[in-house]
Amino acid sequence: MSEATRNEDTILGIFLLGLRTWLAEIKWLSKSALTRFEVSRLEKELNQEYGNLGRIAEAPRGKMAEKELCLKQIGFLKEEIENLRADLAADRETRMATLRENN
């Protein structure tokens, strides 16, 4: 193989590596943005549930079933938000570990 061919392979290899890296970054940024959007949506819903709970607490007696349902929904939303945040952090750590191994 001549030196000119080796340089072309190297340049092509570097270009393809850059392209793969760019695509991986775009993919991760998209996933990250969608996850953050979902978390913000769930946080808004959680705030609404806290508002509902406050209104139920002010109401006369007899709304225990609604209160329990509201508390279950609040617990679910908190758990879902934490799971999404944990998944995003774990994904980032995995991605960073992969990048460190490749270098």
PDB file of N, CA and C in Angstrom:
ATOM      1  N   MET A   1       0.844  -1.165   0.000  1.00  0.00           N
ATOM      2  CA  MET A   1       0.000   0.000   0.000  1.00  0.00           C
ATOM      3  C   MET A   1       0.892   1.231   0.000  1.00  0.00           C
ATOM      4  N   SER A   2       0.582   2.158  -0.856  1.00  0.00           N
ATOM      5  CA  SER A   2       1.398   3.369  -0.938  1.00  0.00           C
ATOM      6  C   SER A   2       1.021   4.330   0.169  1.00  0.00           C
ATOM      7  N   GLU A   3       1.898   5.306   0.374  1.00  0.00           N
ATOM      8  CA  GLU A   3       1.662   6.296   1.433  1.00  0.00           C
ATOM      9  C   GLU A   3       0.439   7.142   1.131  1.00  0.00           C
ATOM     10  N   ALA A   4       0.182   7.445  -0.141  1.00  0.00           N
ATOM     11  CA  ALA A   4      -0.986   8.245  -0.522  1.00  0.00           C
ATOM     12  C   ALA A   4      -2.272   7.503  -0.168  1.00  0.00           C
ATOM     13  N   THR A   5      -2.303   6.189  -0.426  1.00  0.00           N
ATOM     14  CA  THR A   5      -3.490   5.388  -0.097  1.00  0.00           C
ATOM     15  C   THR A   5      -3.683   5.321   1.414  1.00  0.00           C
ATOM     16  N   ARG A   6      -2.594   5.151   2.171  1.00  0.00           N
ATOM     17  CA  ARG A   6      -2.672   5.100   3.630  1.00  0.00           C
ATOM     18  C   ARG A   6      -3.208   6.423   4.193  1.00  0.00           C
ATOM     19  N   ASN A   7      -2.765   7.559   3.631  1.00  0.00           N
ATOM     20  CA  ASN A   7      -3.255   8.860   4.086  1.00  0.00           C
ATOM     21  C   ASN A   7      -4.743   9.019   3.788  1.00  0.00           C
ATOM     22  N   GLU A   8      -5.192   8.537   2.620  1.00  0.00           N
ATOM     23  CA  GLU A   8      -6.615   8.609   2.288  1.00  0.00           C
ATOM     24  C   GLU A   8      -7.429   7.760   3.257  1.00  0.00           C
ATOM     25  N   ASP A   9      -6.931   6.560   3.584  1.00  0.00           N
ATOM     26  CA  ASP A   9      -7.624   5.705   4.536  1.00  0.00           C
ATOM     27  C   ASP A   9      -7.676   6.375   5.902  1.00  0.00           C
ATOM     28  N   THR A  10      -6.620   6.998   6.296  1.00  0.00           N
ATOM     29  CA  THR A  10      -6.571   7.670   7.582  1.00  0.00           C
ATOM     30  C   THR A  10      -7.534   8.853   7.610  1.00  0.00           C
ATOM     31  N   ILE A  11      -7.534   9.640   6.556  1.00  0.00           N
ATOM     32  CA  ILE A  11      -8.434  10.789   6.486  1.00  0.00           C
ATOM     33  C   ILE A  11      -9.882  10.306   6.470  1.00  0.00           C
ATOM     34  N   LEU A  12     -10.168   9.276   5.682  1.00  0.00           N
ATOM     35  CA  LEU A  12     -11.515   8.723   5.628  1.00  0.00           C
ATOM     36  C   LEU A  12     -11.906   8.149   6.993  1.00  0.00           C
ATOM     37  N   GLY A  13     -10.979   7.458   7.627  1.00  0.00           N
ATOM     38  CA  GLY A  13     -11.253   6.894   8.952  1.00  0.00           C
ATOM     39  C   GLY A  13     -11.548   7.965   9.986  1.00  0.00           C
ATOM     40  N   ILE A  14     -10.777   9.033   9.955  1.00  0.00           N
ATOM     41  CA  ILE A  14     -10.996  10.146  10.886  1.00  0.00           C
ATOM     42  C   ILE A  14     -12.348  10.799  10.614  1.00  0.00           C
ATOM     43  N   PHE A  15     -12.665  10.982   9.330  1.00  0.00           N
ATOM     44  CA  PHE A  15     -13.951  11.578   8.979  1.00  0.00           C
ATOM     45  C   PHE A  15     -15.111  10.712   9.470  1.00  0.00           C
ATOM     46  N   LEU A  16     -15.011   9.397   9.238  1.00  0.00           N
ATOM     47  CA  LEU A  16     -16.082   8.498   9.683  1.00  0.00           C
ATOM     48  C   LEU A  16     -16.194   8.468  11.205  1.00  0.00           C
ATOM     49  N   LEU A  17     -15.069   8.512  11.897  1.00  0.00           N
ATOM     50  CA  LEU A  17     -15.092   8.559  13.351  1.00  0.00           C
ATOM     51  C   LEU A  17     -15.766   9.845  13.832  1.00  0.00           C
ATOM     52  N   GLY A  18     -15.439  10.953  13.219  1.00  0.00           N
ATOM     53  CA  GLY A  18     -16.079  12.225  13.569  1.00  0.00           C
ATOM     54  C   GLY A  18     -17.570  12.198  13.299  1.00  0.00           C
ATOM     55  N   LEU A  19     -17.967  11.601  12.192  1.00  0.00           N
ATOM     56  CA  LEU A  19     -19.376  11.493  11.845  1.00  0.00           C
ATOM     57  C   LEU A  19     -20.124  10.623  12.853  1.00  0.00           C
ATOM     58  N   ARG A  20     -19.535   9.480  13.208  1.00  0.00           N
ATOM     59  CA  ARG A  20     -20.165   8.603  14.211  1.00  0.00           C
ATOM     60  C   ARG A  20     -20.280   9.305  15.556  1.00  0.00           C
ATOM     61  N   THR A  21     -19.239  10.035  15.930  1.00  0.00           N
ATOM     62  CA  THR A  21     -19.257  10.780  17.199  1.00  0.00           C
ATOM     63  C   THR A  21     -20.339  11.843  17.171  1.00  0.00           C
ATOM     64  N   TRP A  22     -20.431  12.572  16.079  1.00  0.00           N
ATOM     65  CA  TRP A  22     -21.448  13.617  15.940  1.00  0.00           C
ATOM     66  C   TRP A  22     -22.852  13.026  16.029  1.00  0.00           C
ATOM     67  N   LEU A  23     -23.091  11.926  15.339  1.00  0.00           N
ATOM     68  CA  LEU A  23     -24.403  11.271  15.387  1.00  0.00           C
ATOM     69  C   LEU A  23     -24.735  10.775  16.790  1.00  0.00           C
ATOM     70  N   ALA A  24     -23.740  10.228  17.479  1.00  0.00           N
ATOM     71  CA  ALA A  24     -23.966   9.759  18.855  1.00  0.00           C
ATOM     72  C   ALA A  24     -24.310  10.926  19.776  1.00  0.00           C
ATOM     73  N   GLU A  25     -23.644  12.053  19.591  1.00  0.00           N
ATOM     74  CA  GLU A  25     -23.921  13.239  20.405  1.00  0.00           C
ATOM     75  C   GLU A  25     -25.333  13.765  20.136  1.00  0.00           C
ATOM     76  N   ILE A  26     -25.720  13.828  18.881  1.00  0.00           N
ATOM     77  CA  ILE A  26     -27.065  14.296  18.519  1.00  0.00           C
ATOM     78  C   ILE A  26     -28.112  13.364  19.120  1.00  0.00           C
ATOM     79  N   LYS A  27     -27.877  12.072  19.038  1.00  0.00           N
ATOM     80  CA  LYS A  27     -28.809  11.092  19.604  1.00  0.00           C
ATOM     81  C   LYS A  27     -28.940  11.298  21.112  1.00  0.00           C
ATOM     82  N   TRP A  28     -27.811  11.450  21.806  1.00  0.00           N
ATOM     83  CA  TRP A  28     -27.860  11.621  23.256  1.00  0.00           C
ATOM     84  C   TRP A  28     -28.510  12.949  23.637  1.00  0.00           C
ATOM     85  N   LEU A  29     -28.194  14.017  22.914  1.00  0.00           N
ATOM     86  CA  LEU A  29     -28.809  15.312  23.203  1.00  0.00           C
ATOM     87  C   LEU A  29     -30.319  15.265  23.010  1.00  0.00           C
ATOM     88  N   SER A  30     -30.765  14.581  21.983  1.00  0.00           N
ATOM     89  CA  SER A  30     -32.204  14.438  21.740  1.00  0.00           C
ATOM     90  C   SER A  30     -32.875  13.662  22.867  1.00  0.00           C
ATOM     91  N   LYS A  31     -32.262  12.562  23.248  1.00  0.00           N
ATOM     92  CA  LYS A  31     -32.826  11.751  24.335  1.00  0.00           C
ATOM     93  C   LYS A  31     -32.844  12.548  25.637  1.00  0.00           C
ATOM     94  N   SER A  32     -31.782  13.273  25.893  1.00  0.00           N
ATOM     95  CA  SER A  32     -31.688  14.081  27.103  1.00  0.00           C
ATOM     96  C   SER A  32     -32.761  15.170  27.122  1.00  0.00           C
ATOM     97  N   ALA A  33     -32.954  15.839  26.001  1.00  0.00           N
ATOM     98  CA  ALA A  33     -33.958  16.903  25.918  1.00  0.00           C
ATOM     99  C   ALA A  33     -35.362  16.347  26.117  1.00  0.00           C
ATOM    100  N   LEU A  34     -35.641  15.204  25.508  1.00  0.00           N
ATOM    101  CA  LEU A  34     -36.962  14.597  25.664  1.00  0.00           C
ATOM    102  C   LEU A  34     -37.206  14.158  27.112  1.00  0.00           C
ATOM    103  N   THR A  35     -36.186  13.618  27.751  1.00  0.00           N
ATOM    104  CA  THR A  35     -36.325  13.195  29.141  1.00  0.00           C
ATOM    105  C   THR A  35     -36.552  14.395  30.053  1.00  0.00           C
ATOM    106  N   ARG A  36     -35.793  15.468  29.836  1.00  0.00           N
ATOM    107  CA  ARG A  36     -35.993  16.673  30.652  1.00  0.00           C
ATOM    108  C   ARG A  36     -37.376  17.270  30.438  1.00  0.00           C
ATOM    109  N   PHE A  37     -37.871  17.224  29.197  1.00  0.00           N
ATOM    110  CA  PHE A  37     -39.222  17.706  28.911  1.00  0.00           C
ATOM    111  C   PHE A  37     -40.247  16.867  29.667  1.00  0.00           C
ATOM    112  N   GLU A  38     -40.085  15.560  29.647  1.00  0.00           N
ATOM    113  CA  GLU A  38     -41.001  14.661  30.361  1.00  0.00           C
ATOM    114  C   GLU A  38     -40.963  14.921  31.859  1.00  0.00           C
ATOM    115  N   VAL A  39     -39.771  15.137  32.411  1.00  0.00           N
ATOM    116  CA  VAL A  39     -39.652  15.444  33.843  1.00  0.00           C
ATOM    117  C   VAL A  39     -40.371  16.744  34.170  1.00  0.00           C
ATOM    118  N   SER A  40     -40.217  17.764  33.346  1.00  0.00           N
ATOM    119  CA  SER A  40     -40.886  19.043  33.625  1.00  0.00           C
ATOM    120  C   SER A  40     -42.400  18.890  33.528  1.00  0.00           C
ATOM    121  N   ARG A  41     -42.870  18.082  32.593  1.00  0.00           N
ATOM    122  CA  ARG A  41     -44.300  17.827  32.465  1.00  0.00           C
ATOM    123  C   ARG A  41     -44.830  17.109  33.707  1.00  0.00           C
ATOM    124  N   LEU A  42     -44.088  16.113  34.178  1.00  0.00           N
ATOM    125  CA  LEU A  42     -44.498  15.383  35.376  1.00  0.00           C
ATOM    126  C   LEU A  42     -44.457  16.273  36.618  1.00  0.00           C
ATOM    127  N   GLU A  43     -43.482  17.176  36.683  1.00  0.00           N
ATOM    128  CA  GLU A  43     -43.412  18.095  37.826  1.00  0.00           C
ATOM    129  C   GLU A  43     -44.615  19.032  37.847  1.00  0.00           C
ATOM    130  N   LYS A  44     -45.069  19.489  36.674  1.00  0.00           N
ATOM    131  CA  LYS A  44     -46.268  20.321  36.603  1.00  0.00           C
ATOM    132  C   LYS A  44     -47.490  19.537  37.083  1.00  0.00           C
ATOM    133  N   GLU A  45     -47.580  18.289  36.642  1.00  0.00           N
ATOM    134  CA  GLU A  45     -48.682  17.436  37.077  1.00  0.00           C
ATOM    135  C   GLU A  45     -48.620  17.197  38.584  1.00  0.00           C
ATOM    136  N   LEU A  46     -47.415  17.033  39.114  1.00  0.00           N
ATOM    137  CA  LEU A  46     -47.235  16.850  40.556  1.00  0.00           C
ATOM    138  C   LEU A  46     -47.712  18.081  41.323  1.00  0.00           C
ATOM    139  N   ASN A  47     -47.378  19.262  40.839  1.00  0.00           N
ATOM    140  CA  ASN A  47     -47.844  20.495  41.472  1.00  0.00           C
ATOM    141  C   ASN A  47     -49.367  20.597  41.441  1.00  0.00           C
ATOM    142  N   GLN A  48     -49.980  20.158  40.350  1.00  0.00           N
ATOM    143  CA  GLN A  48     -51.436  20.146  40.273  1.00  0.00           C
ATOM    144  C   GLN A  48     -52.033  19.198  41.313  1.00  0.00           C
ATOM    145  N   GLU A  49     -51.403  18.048  41.495  1.00  0.00           N
ATOM    146  CA  GLU A  49     -51.891  17.083  42.479  1.00  0.00           C
ATOM    147  C   GLU A  49     -51.764  17.641  43.901  1.00  0.00           C
ATOM    148  N   TYR A  50     -50.666  18.363  44.165  1.00  0.00           N
ATOM    149  CA  TYR A  50     -50.543  19.008  45.478  1.00  0.00           C
ATOM    150  C   TYR A  50     -51.659  20.038  45.674  1.00  0.00           C
ATOM    151  N   GLY A  51     -51.991  20.762  44.614  1.00  0.00           N
ATOM    152  CA  GLY A  51     -53.103  21.714  44.681  1.00  0.00           C
ATOM    153  C   GLY A  51     -54.427  21.005  44.954  1.00  0.00           C
ATOM    154  N   ASN A  52     -54.635  19.877  44.254  1.00  0.00           N
ATOM    155  CA  ASN A  52     -55.844  19.080  44.490  1.00  0.00           C
ATOM    156  C   ASN A  52     -55.900  18.597  45.929  1.00  0.00           C
ATOM    157  N   LEU A  53     -54.774  18.160  46.453  1.00  0.00           N
ATOM    158  CA  LEU A  53     -54.713  17.675  47.830  1.00  0.00           C
ATOM    159  C   LEU A  53     -55.059  18.798  48.802  1.00  0.00           C
ATOM    160  N   GLY A  54     -54.582  20.001  48.531  1.00  0.00           N
ATOM    161  CA  GLY A  54     -54.897  21.147  49.380  1.00  0.00           C
ATOM    162  C   GLY A  54     -56.389  21.463  49.372  1.00  0.00           C
ATOM    163  N   ARG A  55     -57.009  21.386  48.182  1.00  0.00           N
ATOM    164  CA  ARG A  55     -58.445  21.642  48.091  1.00  0.00           C
ATOM    165  C   ARG A  55     -59.243  20.563  48.809  1.00  0.00           C
ATOM    166  N   ILE A  56     -58.780  19.322  48.697  1.00  0.00           N
ATOM    167  CA  ILE A  56     -59.465  18.220  49.384  1.00  0.00           C
ATOM    168  C   ILE A  56     -59.356  18.398  50.895  1.00  0.00           C
ATOM    169  N   ALA A  57     -58.192  18.832  51.356  1.00  0.00           N
ATOM    170  CA  ALA A  57     -57.993  19.019  52.798  1.00  0.00           C
ATOM    171  C   ALA A  57     -58.887  20.122  53.348  1.00  0.00           C
ATOM    172  N   GLU A  58     -59.189  21.137  52.539  1.00  0.00           N
ATOM    173  CA  GLU A  58     -60.046  22.233  52.978  1.00  0.00           C
ATOM    174  C   GLU A  58     -61.526  21.861  52.952  1.00  0.00           C
ATOM    175  N   ALA A  59     -61.867  20.859  52.157  1.00  0.00           N
ATOM    176  CA  ALA A  59     -63.271  20.483  51.979  1.00  0.00           C
ATOM    177  C   ALA A  59     -63.807  19.779  53.230  1.00  0.00           C
ATOM    178  N   PRO A  60     -65.134  19.718  53.337  1.00  0.00           N
ATOM    179  CA  PRO A  60     -65.710  18.993  54.470  1.00  0.00           C
ATOM    180  C   PRO A  60     -65.354  17.512  54.425  1.00  0.00           C
ATOM    181  N   ARG A  61     -65.663  16.861  55.497  1.00  0.00           N
ATOM    182  CA  ARG A  61     -65.334  15.424  55.607  1.00  0.00           C
ATOM    183  C   ARG A  61     -66.004  14.612  54.511  1.00  0.00           C
ATOM    184  N   GLY A  62     -65.559  13.373  54.404  1.00  0.00           N
ATOM    185  CA  GLY A  62     -66.165  12.461  53.447  1.00  0.00           C
ATOM    186  C   GLY A  62     -65.394  12.334  52.151  1.00  0.00           C
ATOM    187  N   LYS A  63     -64.204  12.892  52.076  1.00  0.00           N
ATOM    188  CA  LYS A  63     -63.421  12.825  50.844  1.00  0.00           C
ATOM    189  C   LYS A  63     -62.147  12.003  51.044  1.00  0.00           C
ATOM    190  N   MET A  64     -62.215  11.027  51.940  1.00  0.00           N
ATOM    191  CA  MET A  64     -61.035  10.214  52.239  1.00  0.00           C
ATOM    192  C   MET A  64     -60.575   9.430  51.005  1.00  0.00           C
ATOM    193  N   ALA A  65     -61.515   8.917  50.209  1.00  0.00           N
ATOM    194  CA  ALA A  65     -61.145   8.141  49.016  1.00  0.00           C
ATOM    195  C   ALA A  65     -60.396   9.027  48.014  1.00  0.00           C
ATOM    196  N   GLU A  66     -60.876  10.252  47.829  1.00  0.00           N
ATOM    197  CA  GLU A  66     -60.202  11.182  46.918  1.00  0.00           C
ATOM    198  C   GLU A  66     -58.815  11.535  47.437  1.00  0.00           C
ATOM    199  N   LYS A  67     -58.716  11.720  48.737  1.00  0.00           N
ATOM    200  CA  LYS A  67     -57.423  12.055  49.345  1.00  0.00           C
ATOM    201  C   LYS A  67     -56.423  10.919  49.146  1.00  0.00           C
ATOM    202  N   GLU A  68     -56.871   9.687  49.377  1.00  0.00           N
ATOM    203  CA  GLU A  68     -55.984   8.533  49.193  1.00  0.00           C
ATOM    204  C   GLU A  68     -55.543   8.403  47.742  1.00  0.00           C
ATOM    205  N   LEU A  69     -56.476   8.613  46.823  1.00  0.00           N
ATOM    206  CA  LEU A  69     -56.138   8.538  45.403  1.00  0.00           C
ATOM    207  C   LEU A  69     -55.118   9.621  45.040  1.00  0.00           C
ATOM    208  N   CYS A  70     -55.325  10.822  45.566  1.00  0.00           N
ATOM    209  CA  CYS A  70     -54.414  11.935  45.304  1.00  0.00           C
ATOM    210  C   CYS A  70     -53.018  11.633  45.868  1.00  0.00           C
ATOM    211  N   LEU A  71     -52.962  11.076  47.067  1.00  0.00           N
ATOM    212  CA  LEU A  71     -51.672  10.725  47.677  1.00  0.00           C
ATOM    213  C   LEU A  71     -50.953   9.634  46.883  1.00  0.00           C
ATOM    214  N   LYS A  72     -51.716   8.665  46.369  1.00  0.00           N
ATOM    215  CA  LYS A  72     -51.116   7.611  45.539  1.00  0.00           C
ATOM    216  C   LYS A  72     -50.555   8.207  44.248  1.00  0.00           C
ATOM    217  N   GLN A  73     -51.311   9.136  43.659  1.00  0.00           N
ATOM    218  CA  GLN A  73     -50.850   9.778  42.423  1.00  0.00           C
ATOM    219  C   GLN A  73     -49.581  10.590  42.678  1.00  0.00           C
ATOM    220  N   ILE A  74     -49.529  11.294  43.803  1.00  0.00           N
ATOM    221  CA  ILE A  74     -48.344  12.071  44.159  1.00  0.00           C
ATOM    222  C   ILE A  74     -47.137  11.147  44.327  1.00  0.00           C
ATOM    223  N   GLY A  75     -47.330  10.040  45.021  1.00  0.00           N
ATOM    224  CA  GLY A  75     -46.244   9.071  45.196  1.00  0.00           C
ATOM    225  C   GLY A  75     -45.758   8.516  43.872  1.00  0.00           C
ATOM    226  N   PHE A  76     -46.706   8.198  42.992  1.00  0.00           N
ATOM    227  CA  PHE A  76     -46.341   7.665  41.676  1.00  0.00           C
ATOM    228  C   PHE A  76     -45.544   8.687  40.875  1.00  0.00           C
ATOM    229  N   LEU A  77     -46.021   9.938  40.864  1.00  0.00           N
ATOM    230  CA  LEU A  77     -45.325  10.974  40.094  1.00  0.00           C
ATOM    231  C   LEU A  77     -43.922  11.222  40.624  1.00  0.00           C
ATOM    232  N   LYS A  78     -43.763  11.264  41.940  1.00  0.00           N
ATOM    233  CA  LYS A  78     -42.426  11.446  42.515  1.00  0.00           C
ATOM    234  C   LYS A  78     -41.497  10.305  42.103  1.00  0.00           C
ATOM    235  N   GLU A  79     -42.011   9.088  42.178  1.00  0.00           N
ATOM    236  CA  GLU A  79     -41.201   7.915  41.813  1.00  0.00           C
ATOM    237  C   GLU A  79     -40.821   7.958  40.333  1.00  0.00           C
ATOM    238  N   GLU A  80     -41.763   8.327  39.481  1.00  0.00           N
ATOM    239  CA  GLU A  80     -41.495   8.385  38.048  1.00  0.00           C
ATOM    240  C   GLU A  80     -40.457   9.460  37.717  1.00  0.00           C
ATOM    241  N   ILE A  81     -40.555  10.607  38.365  1.00  0.00           N
ATOM    242  CA  ILE A  81     -39.576  11.677  38.149  1.00  0.00           C
ATOM    243  C   ILE A  81     -38.189  11.215  38.567  1.00  0.00           C
ATOM    244  N   GLU A  82     -38.086  10.585  39.717  1.00  0.00           N
ATOM    245  CA  GLU A  82     -36.786  10.092  40.182  1.00  0.00           C
ATOM    246  C   GLU A  82     -36.230   9.024  39.253  1.00  0.00           C
ATOM    247  N   ASN A  83     -37.094   8.137  38.751  1.00  0.00           N
ATOM    248  CA  ASN A  83     -36.642   7.097  37.823  1.00  0.00           C
ATOM    249  C   ASN A  83     -36.101   7.706  36.529  1.00  0.00           C
ATOM    250  N   LEU A  84     -36.804   8.704  36.000  1.00  0.00           N
ATOM    251  CA  LEU A  84     -36.331   9.347  34.772  1.00  0.00           C
ATOM    252  C   LEU A  84     -34.995  10.046  34.995  1.00  0.00           C
ATOM    253  N   ARG A  85     -34.869  10.737  36.105  1.00  0.00           N
ATOM    254  CA  ARG A  85     -33.596  11.412  36.401  1.00  0.00           C
ATOM    255  C   ARG A  85     -32.468  10.406  36.599  1.00  0.00           C
ATOM    256  N   ALA A  86     -32.754   9.303  37.291  1.00  0.00           N
ATOM    257  CA  ALA A  86     -31.736   8.275  37.521  1.00  0.00           C
ATOM    258  C   ALA A  86     -31.331   7.617  36.202  1.00  0.00           C
ATOM    259  N   ASP A  87     -32.306   7.340  35.331  1.00  0.00           N
ATOM    260  CA  ASP A  87     -31.995   6.744  34.031  1.00  0.00           C
ATOM    261  C   ASP A  87     -31.123   7.664  33.190  1.00  0.00           C
ATOM    262  N   LEU A  88     -31.438   8.951  33.216  1.00  0.00           N
ATOM    263  CA  LEU A  88     -30.642   9.910  32.450  1.00  0.00           C
ATOM    264  C   LEU A  88     -29.212   9.991  32.991  1.00  0.00           C
ATOM    265  N   ALA A  89     -29.065  10.007  34.310  1.00  0.00           N
ATOM    266  CA  ALA A  89     -27.728  10.058  34.914  1.00  0.00           C
ATOM    267  C   ALA A  89     -26.944   8.774  34.619  1.00  0.00           C
ATOM    268  N   ALA A  90     -27.618   7.624  34.708  1.00  0.00           N
ATOM    269  CA  ALA A  90     -26.948   6.353  34.420  1.00  0.00           C
ATOM    270  C   ALA A  90     -26.545   6.272  32.953  1.00  0.00           C
ATOM    271  N   ASP A  91     -27.409   6.753  32.076  1.00  0.00           N
ATOM    272  CA  ASP A  91     -27.095   6.753  30.651  1.00  0.00           C
ATOM    273  C   ASP A  91     -25.879   7.629  30.372  1.00  0.00           C
ATOM    274  N   ARG A  92     -25.822   8.768  31.030  1.00  0.00           N
ATOM    275  CA  ARG A  92     -24.678   9.670  30.847  1.00  0.00           C
ATOM    276  C   ARG A  92     -23.393   9.024  31.351  1.00  0.00           C
ATOM    277  N   GLU A  93     -23.468   8.377  32.508  1.00  0.00           N
ATOM    278  CA  GLU A  93     -22.277   7.701  33.052  1.00  0.00           C
ATOM    279  C   GLU A  93     -21.817   6.580  32.131  1.00  0.00           C
ATOM    280  N   THR A  94     -22.745   5.822  31.605  1.00  0.00           N
ATOM    281  CA  THR A  94     -22.403   4.743  30.672  1.00  0.00           C
ATOM    282  C   THR A  94     -21.762   5.308  29.420  1.00  0.00           C
ATOM    283  N   ARG A  95     -22.338   6.396  28.919  1.00  0.00           N
ATOM    284  CA  ARG A  95     -21.798   7.049  27.727  1.00  0.00           C
ATOM    285  C   ARG A  95     -20.389   7.563  27.969  1.00  0.00           C
ATOM    286  N   MET A  96     -20.163   8.194  29.121  1.00  0.00           N
ATOM    287  CA  MET A  96     -18.842   8.719  29.441  1.00  0.00           C
ATOM    288  C   MET A  96     -17.826   7.583  29.613  1.00  0.00           C
ATOM    289  N   ALA A  97     -18.249   6.503  30.246  1.00  0.00           N
ATOM    290  CA  ALA A  97     -17.343   5.359  30.421  1.00  0.00           C
ATOM    291  C   ALA A  97     -16.954   4.774  29.077  1.00  0.00           C
ATOM    292  N   THR A  98     -17.897   4.697  28.159  1.00  0.00           N
ATOM    293  CA  THR A  98     -17.625   4.183  26.815  1.00  0.00           C
ATOM    294  C   THR A  98     -16.641   5.096  26.091  1.00  0.00           C
ATOM    295  N   LEU A  99     -16.839   6.402  26.216  1.00  0.00           N
ATOM    296  CA  LEU A  99     -15.924   7.346  25.570  1.00  0.00           C
ATOM    297  C   LEU A  99     -14.516   7.233  26.138  1.00  0.00           C
ATOM    298  N   ARG A 100     -14.422   7.065  27.465  1.00  0.00           N
ATOM    299  CA  ARG A 100     -13.092   6.935  28.097  1.00  0.00           C
ATOM    300  C   ARG A 100     -12.394   5.659  27.647  1.00  0.00           C
ATOM    301  N   GLU A 101     -13.155   4.569  27.474  1.00  0.00           N
ATOM    302  CA  GLU A 101     -12.560   3.313  27.041  1.00  0.00           C
ATOM    303  C   GLU A 101     -12.047   3.386  25.614  1.00  0.00           C
ATOM    304  N   ASN A 102     -12.756   4.128  24.767  1.00  0.00           N
ATOM    305  CA  ASN A 102     -12.356   4.229  23.364  1.00  0.00           C
ATOM    306  C   ASN A 102     -11.139   5.115  23.159  1.00  0.00           C
ATOM    307  N   ASN A 103     -10.797   5.914  24.137  1.00  0.00           N
ATOM    308  CA  ASN A 103      -9.636   6.792  23.986  1.00  0.00           C
ATOM    309  C   ASN A 103      -8.404   6.190  24.529  1.00  0.00           C
TER     310      ASN A 103
END
